[in-house]
Amino acid sequence: MSSLPHQIRPLNIYPFQISRLFSSTYQKVMNFPHKITPISTQFQILAAKSRENHLTQTQNNSQEDGIPSDHVKVLAKFKSKYNHIRVIEVSRRADHPFAGSRLLLLDKPGNIHSISFLFKQFTKTYFDVFATFPSIIPPGPLGILGFGAGSAAYLILELYPQVSIHGWELDPSVISIGREFFDLSKLEKENLGRLFVYIGDALEANVVDGFAGILVDLFCKGSLIPELQDRSTWEKLKKRLKKGGRIMVNVGGSCVESEDLQRDGKLVMEETLKSMHCVFADQVFVLNLGNRKEDSSIALTGYLPDLDAWKQVLPPALRCYVNMWTPLSKMI
């Protein structure tokens, strides 16, 4: 079904995972001349094209999420205090759902944390699900915990002129990347008084009179942060909401590849949902992305609104998500 979102797995530039893109083995295939930009984060900018783009005859070119190397341009790679950071651009000529996009990859496995397309508004990823959220919360500020390069903020600010966003991101280098490669600086200038970006611990986020809604997208080293498996975290976040407020959460799933092999994405997702259930009881709903029910999920707190009314206030491209929510109580 073309309207369904793509699960965001670690991206493969076949035949290698993106996390191995910069290994010495891969650089024998793709040799990028580079320079260092004169900015504080010391981005390593790489040339638009490699000198060698050939792949050997024995390499497997059939991986589900694979992108031929000659359709990928690596714009930046470096290690910050908190992340392995890479920015890549996918050619519009690529036969892939991310063709024409720019991607922010974090962690060693290369999990995608932000995406933008030059010529289209929606991403067909969980960011589109996030964009349905403001239409079912009361008036008031929206918090984004785990701001990344601003993918969710772009959509929401464009679709909801009345919404103001307060975004928290732990890694200042990720915000710098957003401003350098994802037009975050432009977004901030165009939305003075509506967009506020903070560097710091997202779990300490707060605003006067509470949030109307909170989007949670918190990962570290390729896994949901451990605090999200602790019911006390959800109790604290619930107290930060104003009356009628809700929380929408990217709870990941088996598509999320952790640096720690003991933190299985599906098991971590299940533990997170259980902790949410302890706090919100039967007011937790889950949306499974894509065609694999176990792959990746979004959770929503609060009772579901009238679904027909919800659809009517959404752009046509987003209405498909409304009927995809399932009560968590039916899944556990």
Protein backbone atom coordinates (compact mmCIF):
# COMPACT_ATOMS: atom_id res chain seq x y z
CA MET A 1 0.00 0.00 0.00
CA SER A 2 1.78 3.07 -1.22
CA SER A 3 0.38 5.35 1.46
CA LEU A 4 1.92 3.36 4.30
CA PRO A 5 5.16 4.59 5.84
CA HIS A 6 8.56 3.01 5.44
CA GLN A 7 10.16 1.59 8.54
CA ILE A 8 13.37 3.47 9.29
CA ARG A 9 15.99 0.77 9.56
CA PRO A 10 19.75 1.29 9.55
CA LEU A 11 20.36 2.30 5.94
CA ASN A 12 22.40 0.05 3.66
CA ILE A 13 24.61 1.28 0.86
CA TYR A 14 24.77 -2.21 -0.54
CA PRO A 15 26.51 -4.44 0.06
CA PHE A 16 27.52 -2.76 3.34
CA GLN A 17 25.55 -1.30 6.21
CA ILE A 18 25.89 2.45 6.48
CA SER A 19 27.61 2.00 9.83
CA ARG A 20 30.48 0.43 7.92
CA LEU A 21 30.51 3.09 5.24
CA PHE A 22 33.67 4.65 6.56
CA SER A 23 35.62 1.48 7.30
CA SER A 24 38.94 1.02 5.59
CA THR A 25 37.45 -1.82 3.51
CA TYR A 26 34.72 0.37 2.12
CA GLN A 27 37.01 3.28 1.42
CA LYS A 28 38.91 1.06 -0.97
CA VAL A 29 35.76 1.12 -3.04
CA MET A 30 34.80 4.73 -2.40
CA ASN A 31 37.65 7.18 -2.00
CA PHE A 32 36.37 10.60 -0.94
CA PRO A 33 38.63 13.64 -1.12
CA HIS A 34 37.78 15.78 1.87
CA LYS A 35 38.29 19.05 3.63
CA ILE A 36 37.53 20.34 7.12
CA THR A 37 35.10 23.20 7.41
CA PRO A 38 36.13 26.15 9.61
CA ILE A 39 33.27 25.77 12.11
CA SER A 40 33.38 24.70 15.72
CA THR A 41 31.98 21.21 15.23
CA GLN A 42 34.70 20.40 12.72
CA PHE A 43 32.45 18.73 10.18
CA GLN A 44 34.31 16.50 7.77
CA ILE A 45 32.88 17.46 4.42
CA LEU A 46 33.37 15.00 1.63
CA ALA A 47 33.23 15.58 -2.10
CA ALA A 48 30.05 15.06 -4.03
CA LYS A 49 31.35 12.11 -5.99
CA SER A 50 33.81 9.35 -5.23
CA ARG A 51 36.74 8.63 -7.50
CA GLU A 52 35.74 4.97 -7.58
CA ASN A 53 32.13 3.82 -7.58
CA HIS A 54 32.47 0.31 -8.95
CA LEU A 55 31.17 -2.73 -7.07
CA THR A 56 32.58 -6.22 -7.60
CA GLN A 57 30.64 -8.92 -9.44
CA THR A 58 30.33 -11.05 -6.30
CA GLN A 59 28.58 -8.41 -4.19
CA ASN A 60 24.92 -8.97 -3.38
CA ASN A 61 22.81 -6.16 -4.84
CA SER A 62 19.42 -7.32 -3.60
CA GLN A 63 19.23 -6.06 -0.01
CA GLU A 64 15.82 -4.64 0.86
CA ASP A 65 17.06 -1.21 1.89
CA GLY A 66 20.11 -1.10 -0.35
CA ILE A 67 21.14 1.99 -2.31
CA PRO A 68 23.85 1.73 -4.98
CA SER A 69 26.94 3.58 -3.82
CA ASP A 70 27.03 5.78 -6.92
CA HIS A 71 23.65 7.22 -5.88
CA VAL A 72 24.91 8.35 -2.49
CA LYS A 73 26.80 11.52 -1.65
CA VAL A 74 28.38 11.68 1.80
CA LEU A 75 28.26 15.26 3.04
CA ALA A 76 29.62 14.99 6.56
CA LYS A 77 30.97 12.48 9.05
CA PHE A 78 32.51 12.96 12.48
CA LYS A 79 32.22 11.79 16.05
CA SER A 80 30.79 14.17 18.64
CA LYS A 81 30.71 13.74 22.40
CA TYR A 82 27.48 11.77 22.12
CA ASN A 83 27.18 10.40 18.58
CA HIS A 84 28.75 9.02 15.46
CA ILE A 85 27.27 11.54 13.02
CA ARG A 86 26.89 11.20 9.27
CA VAL A 87 24.90 13.17 6.71
CA ILE A 88 24.21 11.61 3.33
CA GLU A 89 22.31 12.70 0.26
CA VAL A 90 20.52 10.16 -1.93
CA SER A 91 20.33 10.86 -5.65
CA ARG A 92 16.91 11.45 -7.19
CA ARG A 93 17.92 8.78 -9.72
CA ALA A 94 18.05 6.06 -7.07
CA ASP A 95 15.34 3.40 -7.18
CA HIS A 96 14.63 3.73 -3.48
CA PRO A 97 11.98 5.35 -1.22
CA PHE A 98 14.62 7.81 0.02
CA ALA A 99 15.59 9.00 -3.47
CA GLY A 100 16.05 12.77 -3.42
CA SER A 101 16.46 12.93 0.33
CA ARG A 102 19.07 14.12 2.80
CA LEU A 103 19.49 11.87 5.86
CA LEU A 104 21.01 12.32 9.30
CA LEU A 105 22.49 9.03 10.55
CA LEU A 106 23.46 8.64 14.19
CA ASP A 107 25.09 5.83 16.18
CA LYS A 108 27.46 3.22 14.79
CA PRO A 109 24.69 1.16 13.12
CA GLY A 110 23.55 4.24 11.16
CA ASN A 111 19.98 4.64 12.40
CA ILE A 112 18.17 7.46 10.59
CA HIS A 113 17.22 10.34 12.91
CA SER A 114 16.20 13.06 10.45
CA ILE A 115 15.13 13.15 6.83
CA SER A 116 14.27 15.91 4.38
CA PHE A 117 13.25 15.89 0.74
CA LEU A 118 13.96 18.76 -1.60
CA PHE A 119 10.83 18.41 -3.70
CA LYS A 120 8.17 16.86 -1.48
CA GLN A 121 6.60 17.66 1.84
CA PHE A 122 5.89 14.30 3.42
CA THR A 123 8.41 11.56 4.18
CA LYS A 124 6.31 8.36 4.43
CA THR A 125 8.13 7.66 7.70
CA TYR A 126 7.11 8.02 11.35
CA PHE A 127 7.65 11.79 11.06
CA ASP A 128 4.40 11.89 9.09
CA VAL A 129 2.64 10.16 11.99
CA PHE A 130 4.09 12.79 14.32
CA ALA A 131 2.57 15.41 12.02
CA THR A 132 -0.94 14.14 12.81
CA PHE A 133 -0.44 14.82 16.54
CA PRO A 134 -1.12 18.56 16.92
CA SER A 135 -4.64 18.14 15.57
CA ILE A 136 -5.72 16.12 18.64
CA ILE A 137 -4.16 18.14 21.46
CA PRO A 138 -5.49 21.26 23.21
CA PRO A 139 -4.09 24.73 22.45
CA GLY A 140 -0.66 25.30 23.91
CA PRO A 141 3.03 24.58 23.41
CA LEU A 142 4.23 21.33 21.86
CA GLY A 143 7.42 19.74 23.19
CA ILE A 144 9.75 17.67 21.03
CA LEU A 145 12.12 15.57 23.13
CA GLY A 146 14.87 14.43 20.80
CA PHE A 147 14.75 17.25 18.25
CA GLY A 148 17.37 15.89 15.85
CA ALA A 149 17.79 18.09 12.79
CA GLY A 150 14.17 19.23 12.98
CA SER A 151 12.25 16.88 10.66
CA ALA A 152 9.11 16.78 12.84
CA ALA A 153 9.26 20.52 13.47
CA TYR A 154 9.36 21.31 9.74
CA LEU A 155 6.14 19.45 9.05
CA ILE A 156 4.29 20.68 12.11
CA LEU A 157 5.17 24.35 11.68
CA GLU A 158 4.04 24.22 8.07
CA LEU A 159 0.77 22.40 8.74
CA TYR A 160 -0.29 24.13 11.98
CA PRO A 161 0.23 27.93 11.98
CA GLN A 162 -1.08 28.20 15.54
CA VAL A 163 1.39 25.74 17.11
CA SER A 164 4.57 26.73 18.92
CA ILE A 165 7.34 24.18 19.40
CA HIS A 166 9.89 23.78 22.19
CA GLY A 167 12.52 21.25 21.13
CA TRP A 168 15.25 19.65 23.24
CA GLU A 169 18.38 17.99 21.89
CA LEU A 170 21.24 16.71 24.04
CA ASP A 171 23.96 16.91 21.40
CA PRO A 172 24.83 20.45 20.25
CA SER A 173 26.57 18.96 17.21
CA VAL A 174 23.25 17.54 15.99
CA ILE A 175 21.70 21.02 16.12
CA SER A 176 24.73 22.43 14.28
CA ILE A 177 24.27 19.75 11.62
CA GLY A 178 20.60 20.70 11.36
CA ARG A 179 21.48 24.32 10.78
CA GLU A 180 24.26 23.50 8.30
CA PHE A 181 22.61 20.78 6.20
CA PHE A 182 18.85 20.72 6.94
CA ASP A 183 17.91 24.43 6.77
CA LEU A 184 17.20 24.59 10.50
CA SER A 185 18.63 28.12 10.66
CA LYS A 186 16.13 29.23 8.04
CA LEU A 187 13.30 27.50 9.89
CA GLU A 188 14.24 29.29 13.12
CA LYS A 189 14.39 32.69 11.40
CA GLU A 190 11.03 32.15 9.70
CA ASN A 191 9.38 31.08 12.95
CA LEU A 192 10.59 33.55 15.56
CA GLY A 193 8.30 33.22 18.54
CA ARG A 194 7.08 29.80 17.40
CA LEU A 195 10.21 27.64 17.47
CA PHE A 196 12.52 27.39 20.47
CA VAL A 197 15.47 24.97 20.46
CA TYR A 198 17.27 24.03 23.67
CA ILE A 199 20.49 22.08 24.24
CA GLY A 200 20.20 19.82 27.25
CA ASP A 201 18.54 16.83 28.90
CA ALA A 202 15.16 16.38 27.25
CA LEU A 203 13.75 14.61 30.30
CA GLU A 204 14.07 17.89 32.20
CA ALA A 205 11.99 19.74 29.60
CA ASN A 206 9.25 21.94 31.00
CA VAL A 207 7.22 25.03 30.18
CA VAL A 208 5.00 27.33 32.23
CA ASP A 209 1.45 25.92 32.52
CA GLY A 210 2.46 22.62 30.92
CA PHE A 211 2.70 21.12 27.44
CA ALA A 212 -0.35 20.58 25.30
CA GLY A 213 1.51 17.65 23.80
CA ILE A 214 4.92 15.99 23.93
CA LEU A 215 6.61 14.11 21.10
CA VAL A 216 9.24 11.69 22.40
CA ASP A 217 11.99 10.48 20.05
CA LEU A 218 14.83 9.61 22.41
CA PHE A 219 17.51 7.17 21.34
CA CYS A 220 21.12 6.66 22.38
CA LYS A 221 23.64 4.31 20.81
CA GLY A 222 20.98 2.84 18.59
CA SER A 223 18.41 2.08 21.30
CA LEU A 224 15.58 3.76 23.15
CA ILE A 225 17.11 5.37 26.21
CA PRO A 226 16.81 3.15 29.34
CA GLU A 227 14.83 5.82 31.21
CA LEU A 228 11.86 5.11 28.94
CA GLN A 229 11.60 1.60 30.39
CA ASP A 230 11.14 3.16 33.85
CA ARG A 231 7.57 4.04 34.87
CA SER A 232 8.83 7.00 36.91
CA THR A 233 9.88 8.71 33.67
CA TRP A 234 6.33 8.49 32.34
CA GLU A 235 4.91 9.68 35.65
CA LYS A 236 7.17 12.72 35.42
CA LEU A 237 6.26 13.44 31.80
CA LYS A 238 2.56 13.04 32.54
CA LYS A 239 2.85 15.74 35.20
CA ARG A 240 4.35 18.09 32.58
CA LEU A 241 1.15 17.99 30.52
CA LYS A 242 -1.66 20.50 30.80
CA LYS A 243 -5.23 19.25 31.12
CA GLY A 244 -6.15 17.19 28.07
CA GLY A 245 -2.53 16.90 26.95
CA ARG A 246 -1.12 13.81 25.26
CA ILE A 247 2.19 12.13 24.52
CA MET A 248 3.20 10.48 21.22
CA VAL A 249 6.31 8.30 21.29
CA ASN A 250 8.58 6.63 18.77
CA VAL A 251 9.03 3.32 20.60
CA GLY A 252 11.16 1.76 17.88
CA GLY A 253 11.08 -1.99 17.38
CA SER A 254 13.10 -4.72 15.72
CA CYS A 255 14.12 -2.34 12.93
CA VAL A 256 16.24 -0.35 15.40
CA GLU A 257 19.79 -1.67 15.60
CA SER A 258 21.57 -1.08 18.90
CA GLU A 259 25.29 -0.86 19.49
CA ASP A 260 24.64 -3.09 22.50
CA LEU A 261 23.55 -6.48 21.17
CA GLN A 262 21.83 -7.23 24.47
CA ARG A 263 19.36 -4.37 23.91
CA ASP A 264 17.12 -6.03 21.35
CA GLY A 265 14.93 -3.41 19.70
CA LYS A 266 11.70 -5.38 19.97
CA LEU A 267 12.24 -6.30 23.63
CA VAL A 268 13.14 -2.72 24.53
CA MET A 269 9.99 -1.52 22.76
CA GLU A 270 7.87 -3.99 24.72
CA GLU A 271 9.41 -2.92 28.03
CA THR A 272 8.78 0.72 27.16
CA LEU A 273 5.13 0.04 26.34
CA LYS A 274 4.68 -1.88 29.59
CA SER A 275 6.05 1.08 31.55
CA MET A 276 3.67 3.41 29.73
CA HIS A 277 0.78 1.08 30.49
CA CYS A 278 1.62 1.22 34.19
CA VAL A 279 1.10 4.99 34.13
CA PHE A 280 -1.58 5.54 31.46
CA ALA A 281 -3.44 2.22 31.89
CA ASP A 282 -5.89 1.64 29.01
CA GLN A 283 -5.17 5.04 27.50
CA VAL A 284 -2.25 3.80 25.39
CA PHE A 285 -2.60 3.03 21.69
CA VAL A 286 -0.02 1.64 19.27
CA LEU A 287 0.47 2.16 15.55
CA ASN A 288 2.60 -0.41 13.72
CA LEU A 289 4.46 0.99 10.73
CA GLY A 290 4.77 -0.70 7.37
CA ASN A 291 3.91 -4.26 6.49
CA ARG A 292 5.76 -6.01 9.31
CA LYS A 293 3.77 -5.73 12.48
CA GLU A 294 6.80 -6.18 14.70
CA ASP A 295 9.12 -3.81 12.88
CA SER A 296 8.55 -0.30 14.24
CA SER A 297 5.83 1.36 16.28
CA ILE A 298 4.48 4.66 17.59
CA ALA A 299 2.58 4.94 20.88
CA LEU A 300 -0.09 7.50 21.79
CA THR A 301 -1.57 8.34 25.19
CA GLY A 302 -5.11 9.45 25.92
CA TYR A 303 -8.40 8.12 24.59
CA LEU A 304 -8.70 8.05 20.82
CA PRO A 305 -10.65 11.01 19.45
CA ASP A 306 -13.48 10.70 16.97
CA LEU A 307 -11.64 9.15 14.04
CA ASP A 308 -13.76 10.71 11.29
CA ALA A 309 -13.35 14.15 12.82
CA TRP A 310 -9.59 13.58 13.12
CA LYS A 311 -9.33 12.65 9.45
CA GLN A 312 -11.21 15.74 8.35
CA VAL A 313 -8.64 18.12 9.84
CA LEU A 314 -5.66 16.32 8.30
CA PRO A 315 -4.19 16.64 4.81
CA PRO A 316 -5.26 13.70 2.59
CA ALA A 317 -1.75 12.22 2.66
CA LEU A 318 -1.92 11.78 6.44
CA ARG A 319 -5.44 10.41 6.85
CA CYS A 320 -4.33 6.80 6.33
CA TYR A 321 -2.73 6.75 9.78
CA VAL A 322 -5.90 7.49 11.73
CA ASN A 323 -7.35 3.97 11.48
CA MET A 324 -4.05 2.24 12.23
CA TRP A 325 -4.15 2.67 16.02
CA THR A 326 -4.68 -0.41 18.21
CA PRO A 327 -5.29 -0.42 21.99
CA LEU A 328 -2.17 -1.60 23.80
CA SER A 329 -4.43 -3.60 26.10
CA LYS A 330 -5.22 -5.91 23.18
CA MET A 331 -1.53 -6.52 22.52
CA ILE A 332 -0.27 -7.45 25.97
